[in-house]
């Protein structure tokens, strides 16, 4: 039987980007979200290029490490949809929206600045996702960016299997 060990609770940050669900947006949504895992795609984003130019004034700035942190900080996302009624200038509108949720936490030693994904998280979601949707779709009156205050994350992590036990169970016999 597998055993699990509890990690946490530890600090986390959670964000949601909310935009109207429209068939024509699916390609852009996929492009933006997939670029979060590609260092070259991240470097091509105008916000990132401008940030690098500003940060180069600091002699301690390590461009490659910063880009790697942006890329690694967003290790995944969830997408769901919800229906709602929203008040516009013309009155209530029923609309289905797409919600993209991000949960960030630092995976390792809290003192290791190379894995401080919490500090990078707002830039990743606000600028590499929400702002890109607003700018590149260019037609929506609003795209919402929501940050949840002080979430805590606990993870039940499976212990690595013991090789002797695993080998015995694979053979169907005793170790």
N, C-alpha and C. Protein backbone atom coordinates (compact mmCIF):
# COMPACT_ATOMS: atom_id res chain seq x y z
N UNK A 1 0.84 -1.17 0.00
CA UNK A 1 0.00 0.00 0.00
C UNK A 1 0.90 1.25 0.00
N UNK A 2 0.58 2.20 -0.84
CA UNK A 2 1.38 3.42 -0.95
C UNK A 2 1.21 4.28 0.29
N UNK A 3 2.27 4.97 0.64
CA UNK A 3 2.17 5.91 1.76
C UNK A 3 2.37 7.32 1.23
N UNK A 4 1.79 8.27 1.95
CA UNK A 4 1.85 9.67 1.56
C UNK A 4 2.34 10.49 2.73
N UNK A 5 3.02 11.57 2.40
CA UNK A 5 3.54 12.47 3.41
C UNK A 5 2.94 13.85 3.15
N UNK A 6 2.53 14.53 4.22
CA UNK A 6 1.92 15.85 4.10
C UNK A 6 2.99 16.93 4.04
N UNK A 7 2.92 17.77 3.00
CA UNK A 7 3.75 18.96 2.89
C UNK A 7 2.85 20.16 3.12
N UNK A 8 3.23 21.00 4.05
CA UNK A 8 2.47 22.23 4.24
C UNK A 8 1.64 22.19 5.50
N UNK A 9 0.77 23.15 5.64
CA UNK A 9 0.46 24.17 4.64
C UNK A 9 1.62 25.14 4.44
N UNK A 10 1.73 25.60 3.21
CA UNK A 10 2.77 26.55 2.86
C UNK A 10 2.16 27.69 2.06
N UNK A 11 2.83 28.83 2.03
CA UNK A 11 2.28 29.97 1.30
C UNK A 11 2.09 29.64 -0.18
N UNK A 12 1.03 30.17 -0.72
CA UNK A 12 0.74 29.99 -2.13
C UNK A 12 0.11 31.28 -2.64
N UNK A 13 0.07 31.41 -3.92
CA UNK A 13 -0.66 32.52 -4.55
C UNK A 13 -1.55 31.90 -5.61
N UNK A 14 -2.77 32.40 -5.66
CA UNK A 14 -3.71 31.88 -6.65
C UNK A 14 -4.29 33.05 -7.43
N UNK A 15 -4.34 32.86 -8.73
CA UNK A 15 -4.85 33.89 -9.63
C UNK A 15 -5.84 33.25 -10.58
N UNK A 16 -6.78 34.06 -11.04
CA UNK A 16 -7.67 33.65 -12.11
C UNK A 16 -7.74 34.76 -13.14
N UNK A 17 -7.72 34.36 -14.39
CA UNK A 17 -7.94 35.28 -15.50
C UNK A 17 -9.30 34.90 -16.07
N UNK A 18 -10.18 35.90 -16.18
CA UNK A 18 -11.56 35.64 -16.61
C UNK A 18 -11.82 36.43 -17.88
N UNK A 19 -12.22 35.73 -18.94
CA UNK A 19 -12.53 36.38 -20.20
C UNK A 19 -13.72 35.70 -20.85
N UNK A 20 -14.45 36.40 -21.70
CA UNK A 20 -15.61 35.78 -22.36
C UNK A 20 -15.18 34.54 -23.14
N UNK A 21 -16.02 33.53 -23.10
CA UNK A 21 -15.73 32.30 -23.83
C UNK A 21 -16.30 32.46 -25.24
N UNK A 22 -15.39 32.57 -26.19
CA UNK A 22 -15.79 32.70 -27.59
C UNK A 22 -14.94 31.75 -28.41
N UNK A 23 -15.56 31.08 -29.35
CA UNK A 23 -14.89 30.10 -30.17
C UNK A 23 -13.65 30.68 -30.85
N UNK A 24 -13.73 31.90 -31.30
CA UNK A 24 -12.61 32.53 -31.98
C UNK A 24 -11.41 32.79 -31.09
N UNK A 25 -11.57 32.69 -29.78
CA UNK A 25 -10.46 32.95 -28.86
C UNK A 25 -9.63 31.71 -28.55
N UNK A 26 -10.13 30.52 -28.88
CA UNK A 26 -9.47 29.30 -28.45
C UNK A 26 -8.03 29.20 -28.94
N UNK A 27 -7.75 29.60 -30.16
CA UNK A 27 -6.38 29.55 -30.67
C UNK A 27 -5.45 30.47 -29.90
N UNK A 28 -5.91 31.67 -29.59
CA UNK A 28 -5.10 32.63 -28.83
C UNK A 28 -4.90 32.14 -27.40
N UNK A 29 -5.95 31.58 -26.81
CA UNK A 29 -5.82 31.06 -25.44
C UNK A 29 -4.76 29.97 -25.41
N UNK A 30 -4.82 29.04 -26.36
CA UNK A 30 -3.83 27.97 -26.41
C UNK A 30 -2.42 28.53 -26.64
N UNK A 31 -2.28 29.46 -27.56
CA UNK A 31 -0.97 30.05 -27.85
C UNK A 31 -0.37 30.72 -26.61
N UNK A 32 -1.16 31.53 -25.93
CA UNK A 32 -0.67 32.25 -24.75
C UNK A 32 -0.29 31.27 -23.64
N UNK A 33 -1.13 30.30 -23.38
CA UNK A 33 -0.86 29.38 -22.28
C UNK A 33 0.33 28.46 -22.59
N UNK A 34 0.44 27.99 -23.81
CA UNK A 34 1.58 27.13 -24.16
C UNK A 34 2.90 27.90 -24.14
N UNK A 35 2.85 29.19 -24.42
CA UNK A 35 4.10 29.98 -24.41
C UNK A 35 4.69 30.08 -23.01
N UNK A 36 3.90 29.83 -21.98
CA UNK A 36 4.41 29.89 -20.60
C UNK A 36 5.46 28.83 -20.33
N UNK A 37 5.53 27.80 -21.15
CA UNK A 37 6.47 26.70 -20.94
C UNK A 37 7.66 26.77 -21.91
N UNK A 38 7.79 27.86 -22.64
CA UNK A 38 8.81 27.99 -23.68
C UNK A 38 9.61 29.28 -23.46
N UNK A 39 10.89 29.13 -23.09
CA UNK A 39 11.72 30.29 -22.79
C UNK A 39 11.83 31.26 -23.97
N UNK A 40 11.95 30.74 -25.18
CA UNK A 40 12.06 31.63 -26.35
C UNK A 40 10.78 32.42 -26.56
N UNK A 41 9.64 31.77 -26.37
CA UNK A 41 8.36 32.47 -26.51
C UNK A 41 8.20 33.55 -25.44
N UNK A 42 8.66 33.26 -24.23
CA UNK A 42 8.59 34.25 -23.16
C UNK A 42 9.46 35.45 -23.50
N UNK A 43 10.65 35.21 -24.02
CA UNK A 43 11.56 36.31 -24.39
C UNK A 43 10.97 37.21 -25.47
N UNK A 44 10.08 36.68 -26.30
CA UNK A 44 9.51 37.45 -27.41
C UNK A 44 8.36 38.36 -26.98
N UNK A 45 7.86 38.22 -25.77
CA UNK A 45 6.73 39.02 -25.30
C UNK A 45 7.21 40.44 -25.02
N UNK A 46 6.53 41.45 -25.56
CA UNK A 46 6.98 42.84 -25.38
C UNK A 46 7.20 43.25 -23.92
N UNK A 47 6.32 42.84 -23.01
CA UNK A 47 6.51 43.17 -21.59
C UNK A 47 7.83 42.61 -21.08
N UNK A 48 8.16 41.40 -21.47
CA UNK A 48 9.41 40.77 -21.01
C UNK A 48 10.61 41.50 -21.59
N UNK A 49 10.56 41.83 -22.87
CA UNK A 49 11.68 42.58 -23.46
C UNK A 49 11.89 43.91 -22.76
N UNK A 50 10.81 44.63 -22.47
CA UNK A 50 10.92 45.91 -21.76
C UNK A 50 11.44 45.71 -20.34
N UNK A 51 10.99 44.67 -19.66
CA UNK A 51 11.45 44.39 -18.30
C UNK A 51 12.94 44.06 -18.29
N UNK A 52 13.38 43.30 -19.28
CA UNK A 52 14.80 42.97 -19.36
C UNK A 52 15.61 44.23 -19.56
N UNK A 53 15.17 45.11 -20.43
CA UNK A 53 15.88 46.37 -20.67
C UNK A 53 15.98 47.18 -19.38
N UNK A 54 14.90 47.25 -18.61
CA UNK A 54 14.93 47.99 -17.34
C UNK A 54 15.84 47.32 -16.32
N UNK A 55 15.79 46.00 -16.24
CA UNK A 55 16.54 45.26 -15.23
C UNK A 55 18.04 45.21 -15.54
N UNK A 56 18.41 45.40 -16.79
CA UNK A 56 19.85 45.36 -17.15
C UNK A 56 20.63 46.49 -16.47
N UNK A 57 19.93 47.50 -15.98
CA UNK A 57 20.61 48.59 -15.26
C UNK A 57 21.21 48.08 -13.95
N UNK A 58 20.66 47.00 -13.42
CA UNK A 58 21.17 46.39 -12.19
C UNK A 58 22.30 45.42 -12.56
N UNK A 59 23.51 45.66 -12.08
CA UNK A 59 24.63 44.78 -12.45
C UNK A 59 24.48 43.35 -11.94
N UNK A 60 23.61 43.13 -10.97
CA UNK A 60 23.39 41.78 -10.43
C UNK A 60 22.29 41.01 -11.17
N UNK A 61 21.66 41.66 -12.13
CA UNK A 61 20.56 41.02 -12.85
C UNK A 61 21.09 39.89 -13.73
N UNK A 62 20.50 38.72 -13.58
CA UNK A 62 20.85 37.55 -14.37
C UNK A 62 19.66 37.24 -15.29
N UNK A 63 19.77 37.68 -16.53
CA UNK A 63 18.66 37.56 -17.47
C UNK A 63 18.21 36.11 -17.66
N UNK A 64 19.16 35.21 -17.86
CA UNK A 64 18.80 33.81 -18.09
C UNK A 64 18.08 33.21 -16.89
N UNK A 65 18.56 33.51 -15.68
CA UNK A 65 17.92 32.99 -14.47
C UNK A 65 16.51 33.56 -14.32
N UNK A 66 16.33 34.85 -14.64
CA UNK A 66 15.02 35.48 -14.52
C UNK A 66 14.04 34.84 -15.50
N UNK A 67 14.46 34.65 -16.74
CA UNK A 67 13.60 34.02 -17.75
C UNK A 67 13.26 32.60 -17.32
N UNK A 68 14.25 31.86 -16.83
CA UNK A 68 14.01 30.49 -16.38
C UNK A 68 12.99 30.47 -15.23
N UNK A 69 13.09 31.44 -14.32
CA UNK A 69 12.14 31.52 -13.21
C UNK A 69 10.73 31.78 -13.74
N UNK A 70 10.59 32.70 -14.70
CA UNK A 70 9.27 32.96 -15.28
C UNK A 70 8.70 31.70 -15.91
N UNK A 71 9.57 30.97 -16.60
CA UNK A 71 9.12 29.76 -17.29
C UNK A 71 8.75 28.65 -16.31
N UNK A 72 9.54 28.49 -15.27
CA UNK A 72 9.30 27.41 -14.32
C UNK A 72 8.21 27.74 -13.30
N UNK A 73 7.98 29.02 -13.05
CA UNK A 73 7.00 29.42 -12.03
C UNK A 73 5.62 28.92 -12.37
N UNK A 74 5.25 29.00 -13.63
CA UNK A 74 3.93 28.54 -14.04
C UNK A 74 4.05 27.10 -14.49
N UNK A 75 3.90 26.21 -13.54
CA UNK A 75 4.05 24.79 -13.85
C UNK A 75 2.74 24.17 -14.29
N UNK A 76 1.71 24.98 -14.42
CA UNK A 76 0.44 24.44 -14.89
C UNK A 76 -0.69 25.41 -14.62
N UNK A 77 -1.84 25.03 -15.10
CA UNK A 77 -3.03 25.85 -14.96
C UNK A 77 -4.24 24.94 -15.09
N UNK A 78 -5.39 25.43 -14.68
CA UNK A 78 -6.66 24.73 -14.86
C UNK A 78 -7.60 25.68 -15.59
N UNK A 79 -8.47 25.11 -16.38
CA UNK A 79 -9.44 25.91 -17.10
C UNK A 79 -10.83 25.36 -16.79
N UNK A 80 -11.73 26.26 -16.49
CA UNK A 80 -13.13 25.88 -16.35
C UNK A 80 -13.97 27.02 -16.88
N UNK A 81 -15.24 26.77 -17.02
CA UNK A 81 -16.14 27.81 -17.51
C UNK A 81 -17.27 27.99 -16.51
N UNK A 82 -17.83 29.16 -16.54
CA UNK A 82 -18.99 29.42 -15.69
C UNK A 82 -19.93 30.37 -16.41
N UNK A 83 -21.18 30.26 -16.05
CA UNK A 83 -22.21 31.13 -16.61
C UNK A 83 -22.53 32.19 -15.59
N UNK A 84 -22.83 33.38 -16.08
CA UNK A 84 -23.18 34.44 -15.16
C UNK A 84 -23.97 35.54 -15.84
N UNK A 85 -24.44 36.41 -15.04
CA UNK A 85 -25.14 37.60 -15.52
C UNK A 85 -24.32 38.78 -15.06
N UNK A 86 -24.03 39.67 -16.00
CA UNK A 86 -23.17 40.82 -15.73
C UNK A 86 -23.87 42.09 -16.15
N UNK A 87 -23.64 43.13 -15.41
CA UNK A 87 -24.26 44.41 -15.71
C UNK A 87 -23.36 45.20 -16.66
N UNK A 88 -23.87 45.54 -17.82
CA UNK A 88 -23.15 46.37 -18.78
C UNK A 88 -23.83 47.73 -18.85
N UNK A 89 -23.29 48.60 -19.67
CA UNK A 89 -23.91 49.92 -19.86
C UNK A 89 -25.32 49.81 -20.39
N UNK A 90 -25.58 48.74 -21.14
CA UNK A 90 -26.89 48.54 -21.76
C UNK A 90 -27.82 47.66 -20.94
N UNK A 91 -27.41 47.30 -19.74
CA UNK A 91 -28.24 46.45 -18.89
C UNK A 91 -27.61 45.08 -18.69
N UNK A 92 -28.31 44.17 -18.03
CA UNK A 92 -27.75 42.85 -17.74
C UNK A 92 -27.51 42.03 -19.01
N UNK A 93 -26.42 41.28 -19.00
CA UNK A 93 -26.05 40.39 -20.10
C UNK A 93 -25.75 39.02 -19.52
N UNK A 94 -26.32 37.99 -20.12
CA UNK A 94 -25.98 36.62 -19.75
C UNK A 94 -24.78 36.21 -20.59
N UNK A 95 -23.76 35.67 -19.94
CA UNK A 95 -22.54 35.36 -20.67
C UNK A 95 -21.83 34.17 -20.03
N UNK A 96 -21.25 33.35 -20.87
CA UNK A 96 -20.39 32.26 -20.42
C UNK A 96 -18.95 32.77 -20.49
N UNK A 97 -18.19 32.53 -19.42
CA UNK A 97 -16.80 32.98 -19.39
C UNK A 97 -15.87 31.80 -19.20
N UNK A 98 -14.65 32.00 -19.63
CA UNK A 98 -13.57 31.05 -19.45
C UNK A 98 -12.75 31.54 -18.27
N UNK A 99 -12.45 30.66 -17.34
CA UNK A 99 -11.65 30.99 -16.17
C UNK A 99 -10.39 30.14 -16.22
N UNK A 100 -9.24 30.80 -16.18
CA UNK A 100 -7.96 30.11 -16.18
C UNK A 100 -7.34 30.33 -14.81
N UNK A 101 -7.16 29.26 -14.07
CA UNK A 101 -6.67 29.34 -12.69
C UNK A 101 -5.21 28.90 -12.62
N UNK A 102 -4.44 29.67 -11.87
CA UNK A 102 -3.04 29.39 -11.62
C UNK A 102 -2.83 29.33 -10.11
N UNK A 103 -2.10 28.33 -9.65
CA UNK A 103 -1.71 28.24 -8.25
C UNK A 103 -0.19 28.14 -8.22
N UNK A 104 0.43 29.06 -7.52
CA UNK A 104 1.88 29.10 -7.42
C UNK A 104 2.31 28.76 -5.99
N UNK A 105 3.40 28.04 -5.88
CA UNK A 105 4.04 27.80 -4.58
C UNK A 105 5.51 27.54 -4.85
N UNK A 106 6.31 27.72 -3.84
CA UNK A 106 7.74 27.44 -3.97
C UNK A 106 7.95 25.97 -3.64
N UNK A 107 8.50 25.21 -4.59
CA UNK A 107 8.57 23.76 -4.42
C UNK A 107 9.66 23.30 -3.46
N UNK A 108 10.71 24.08 -3.29
CA UNK A 108 11.85 23.59 -2.51
C UNK A 108 12.08 24.37 -1.24
N UNK A 109 13.33 24.53 -0.95
CA UNK A 109 13.80 25.24 0.24
C UNK A 109 13.37 26.70 0.18
N UNK A 110 12.65 27.20 1.19
CA UNK A 110 12.18 28.58 1.16
C UNK A 110 13.31 29.62 1.08
N UNK A 111 14.51 29.24 1.47
CA UNK A 111 15.62 30.20 1.42
C UNK A 111 16.32 30.21 0.06
N UNK A 112 15.93 29.33 -0.84
CA UNK A 112 16.55 29.25 -2.16
C UNK A 112 15.92 30.28 -3.09
N UNK A 113 16.62 31.36 -3.36
CA UNK A 113 16.06 32.44 -4.18
C UNK A 113 15.86 32.02 -5.63
N UNK A 114 16.52 30.96 -6.07
CA UNK A 114 16.35 30.50 -7.45
C UNK A 114 14.98 29.89 -7.69
N UNK A 115 14.29 29.50 -6.62
CA UNK A 115 12.96 28.93 -6.79
C UNK A 115 11.90 29.80 -6.10
N UNK A 116 12.12 31.11 -6.06
CA UNK A 116 11.13 32.01 -5.49
C UNK A 116 10.09 32.33 -6.55
N UNK A 117 9.20 31.37 -6.77
CA UNK A 117 8.17 31.52 -7.79
C UNK A 117 7.06 32.45 -7.34
N UNK A 118 6.90 32.62 -6.03
CA UNK A 118 5.83 33.50 -5.54
C UNK A 118 6.07 34.94 -5.98
N UNK A 119 7.33 35.39 -5.92
CA UNK A 119 7.59 36.78 -6.31
C UNK A 119 7.39 36.99 -7.81
N UNK A 120 7.61 35.97 -8.61
CA UNK A 120 7.44 36.08 -10.06
C UNK A 120 6.00 35.87 -10.50
N UNK A 121 5.17 35.33 -9.62
CA UNK A 121 3.84 34.88 -10.03
C UNK A 121 2.95 36.00 -10.57
N UNK A 122 2.95 37.16 -9.94
CA UNK A 122 2.07 38.23 -10.41
C UNK A 122 2.47 38.69 -11.80
N UNK A 123 3.77 38.77 -12.07
CA UNK A 123 4.22 39.16 -13.40
C UNK A 123 3.83 38.11 -14.43
N UNK A 124 3.98 36.85 -14.08
CA UNK A 124 3.64 35.77 -15.02
C UNK A 124 2.17 35.86 -15.42
N UNK A 125 1.28 35.91 -14.45
CA UNK A 125 -0.14 35.85 -14.78
C UNK A 125 -0.66 37.19 -15.29
N UNK A 126 -0.30 38.27 -14.63
CA UNK A 126 -0.85 39.57 -15.03
C UNK A 126 -0.32 40.02 -16.39
N UNK A 127 0.96 39.84 -16.63
CA UNK A 127 1.55 40.36 -17.87
C UNK A 127 1.70 39.32 -18.97
N UNK A 128 2.05 38.08 -18.61
CA UNK A 128 2.26 37.07 -19.65
C UNK A 128 0.96 36.39 -20.07
N UNK A 129 -0.11 36.61 -19.31
CA UNK A 129 -1.40 36.00 -19.67
C UNK A 129 -2.46 37.09 -19.84
N UNK A 130 -2.89 37.72 -18.75
CA UNK A 130 -4.03 38.65 -18.81
C UNK A 130 -3.79 39.82 -19.76
N UNK A 131 -2.64 40.47 -19.62
CA UNK A 131 -2.36 41.62 -20.49
C UNK A 131 -2.25 41.19 -21.95
N UNK A 132 -1.66 40.03 -22.18
CA UNK A 132 -1.56 39.54 -23.57
C UNK A 132 -2.94 39.29 -24.16
N UNK A 133 -3.85 38.70 -23.39
CA UNK A 133 -5.21 38.51 -23.90
C UNK A 133 -5.84 39.86 -24.23
N UNK A 134 -5.71 40.81 -23.32
CA UNK A 134 -6.32 42.13 -23.54
C UNK A 134 -5.73 42.77 -24.79
N UNK A 135 -4.42 42.76 -24.90
CA UNK A 135 -3.74 43.44 -26.02
C UNK A 135 -3.94 42.70 -27.34
N UNK A 136 -3.75 41.40 -27.34
CA UNK A 136 -3.75 40.64 -28.59
C UNK A 136 -5.16 40.32 -29.09
N UNK A 137 -6.12 40.14 -28.18
CA UNK A 137 -7.50 39.98 -28.64
C UNK A 137 -8.06 41.33 -29.04
N UNK A 138 -7.80 42.33 -28.20
CA UNK A 138 -8.06 43.73 -28.52
C UNK A 138 -9.50 44.14 -28.72
N UNK A 139 -10.47 43.30 -28.39
CA UNK A 139 -11.86 43.67 -28.65
C UNK A 139 -12.73 43.71 -27.39
N UNK A 140 -12.27 43.14 -26.32
CA UNK A 140 -13.09 43.06 -25.11
C UNK A 140 -12.98 44.35 -24.31
N UNK A 141 -14.10 44.73 -23.73
CA UNK A 141 -14.10 45.91 -22.87
C UNK A 141 -13.30 45.65 -21.60
N UNK A 142 -13.39 44.42 -21.07
CA UNK A 142 -12.69 44.07 -19.85
C UNK A 142 -12.22 42.62 -19.90
N UNK A 143 -11.05 42.38 -19.35
CA UNK A 143 -10.57 41.04 -19.04
C UNK A 143 -10.12 41.12 -17.59
N UNK A 144 -10.66 40.25 -16.77
CA UNK A 144 -10.41 40.35 -15.34
C UNK A 144 -9.21 39.49 -14.93
N UNK A 145 -8.49 40.02 -13.96
CA UNK A 145 -7.35 39.36 -13.34
C UNK A 145 -7.61 39.36 -11.84
N UNK A 146 -7.79 38.20 -11.26
CA UNK A 146 -8.18 38.09 -9.86
C UNK A 146 -7.07 37.42 -9.07
N UNK A 147 -6.68 38.04 -7.95
CA UNK A 147 -5.69 37.46 -7.05
C UNK A 147 -6.37 37.13 -5.73
N UNK A 148 -6.20 35.90 -5.28
CA UNK A 148 -6.77 35.49 -4.00
C UNK A 148 -5.78 35.82 -2.90
N UNK A 149 -6.27 36.34 -1.80
CA UNK A 149 -5.44 36.82 -0.71
C UNK A 149 -5.09 35.70 0.26
N UNK A 150 -3.80 35.50 0.48
CA UNK A 150 -3.24 34.61 1.48
C UNK A 150 -3.69 33.15 1.43
N UNK A 151 -3.75 32.53 0.26
CA UNK A 151 -4.09 31.11 0.26
C UNK A 151 -2.95 30.29 0.85
N UNK A 152 -3.28 29.14 1.37
CA UNK A 152 -2.31 28.19 1.88
C UNK A 152 -2.49 26.89 1.10
N UNK A 153 -1.39 26.23 0.80
CA UNK A 153 -1.43 25.00 0.01
C UNK A 153 -0.88 23.85 0.84
N UNK A 154 -1.61 22.76 0.87
CA UNK A 154 -1.11 21.52 1.45
C UNK A 154 -1.13 20.47 0.35
N UNK A 155 -0.11 19.65 0.32
CA UNK A 155 0.02 18.62 -0.71
C UNK A 155 0.26 17.28 -0.03
N UNK A 156 -0.53 16.29 -0.36
CA UNK A 156 -0.24 14.93 0.05
C UNK A 156 0.60 14.31 -1.05
N UNK A 157 1.90 14.16 -0.80
CA UNK A 157 2.84 13.67 -1.81
C UNK A 157 3.16 12.20 -1.53
N UNK A 158 3.02 11.41 -2.56
CA UNK A 158 3.28 9.98 -2.44
C UNK A 158 4.77 9.75 -2.20
N UNK A 159 5.09 8.89 -1.24
CA UNK A 159 6.47 8.53 -0.99
C UNK A 159 6.98 7.70 -2.16
N UNK A 160 8.26 7.86 -2.49
CA UNK A 160 8.79 7.02 -3.57
C UNK A 160 8.71 5.55 -3.15
N UNK A 161 8.42 4.67 -4.09
CA UNK A 161 8.29 3.26 -3.72
C UNK A 161 9.64 2.70 -3.28
N UNK A 162 9.58 1.81 -2.31
CA UNK A 162 10.78 1.11 -1.84
C UNK A 162 11.12 0.07 -2.91
N UNK A 163 12.35 0.08 -3.40
CA UNK A 163 12.72 -0.81 -4.51
C UNK A 163 12.50 -2.28 -4.18
N UNK A 164 12.84 -2.70 -2.95
CA UNK A 164 12.67 -4.11 -2.59
C UNK A 164 11.19 -4.48 -2.60
N UNK A 165 10.35 -3.61 -2.02
CA UNK A 165 8.92 -3.86 -1.99
C UNK A 165 8.34 -3.83 -3.40
N UNK A 166 8.81 -2.84 -4.20
CA UNK A 166 8.31 -2.74 -5.56
C UNK A 166 8.69 -3.96 -6.39
N UNK A 167 9.94 -4.42 -6.26
CA UNK A 167 10.38 -5.59 -7.01
C UNK A 167 9.60 -6.84 -6.61
N UNK A 168 9.33 -6.99 -5.31
CA UNK A 168 8.56 -8.14 -4.83
C UNK A 168 7.14 -8.09 -5.36
N UNK A 169 6.53 -6.90 -5.35
CA UNK A 169 5.15 -6.83 -5.82
C UNK A 169 5.09 -7.05 -7.33
N UNK A 170 6.13 -6.65 -8.06
CA UNK A 170 6.16 -6.88 -9.49
C UNK A 170 6.32 -8.37 -9.80
N UNK A 171 7.03 -9.11 -8.92
CA UNK A 171 7.21 -10.54 -9.13
C UNK A 171 6.03 -11.32 -8.61
N UNK A 172 5.23 -10.66 -7.78
CA UNK A 172 4.09 -11.36 -7.19
C UNK A 172 4.50 -12.24 -6.03
N UNK A 173 5.72 -12.06 -5.52
CA UNK A 173 6.20 -12.91 -4.43
C UNK A 173 6.74 -12.08 -3.28
N UNK A 174 7.49 -12.78 -2.43
CA UNK A 174 8.07 -12.14 -1.26
C UNK A 174 9.41 -11.53 -1.60
N UNK A 175 9.82 -10.56 -0.79
CA UNK A 175 11.15 -9.96 -1.02
C UNK A 175 12.21 -10.68 -0.26
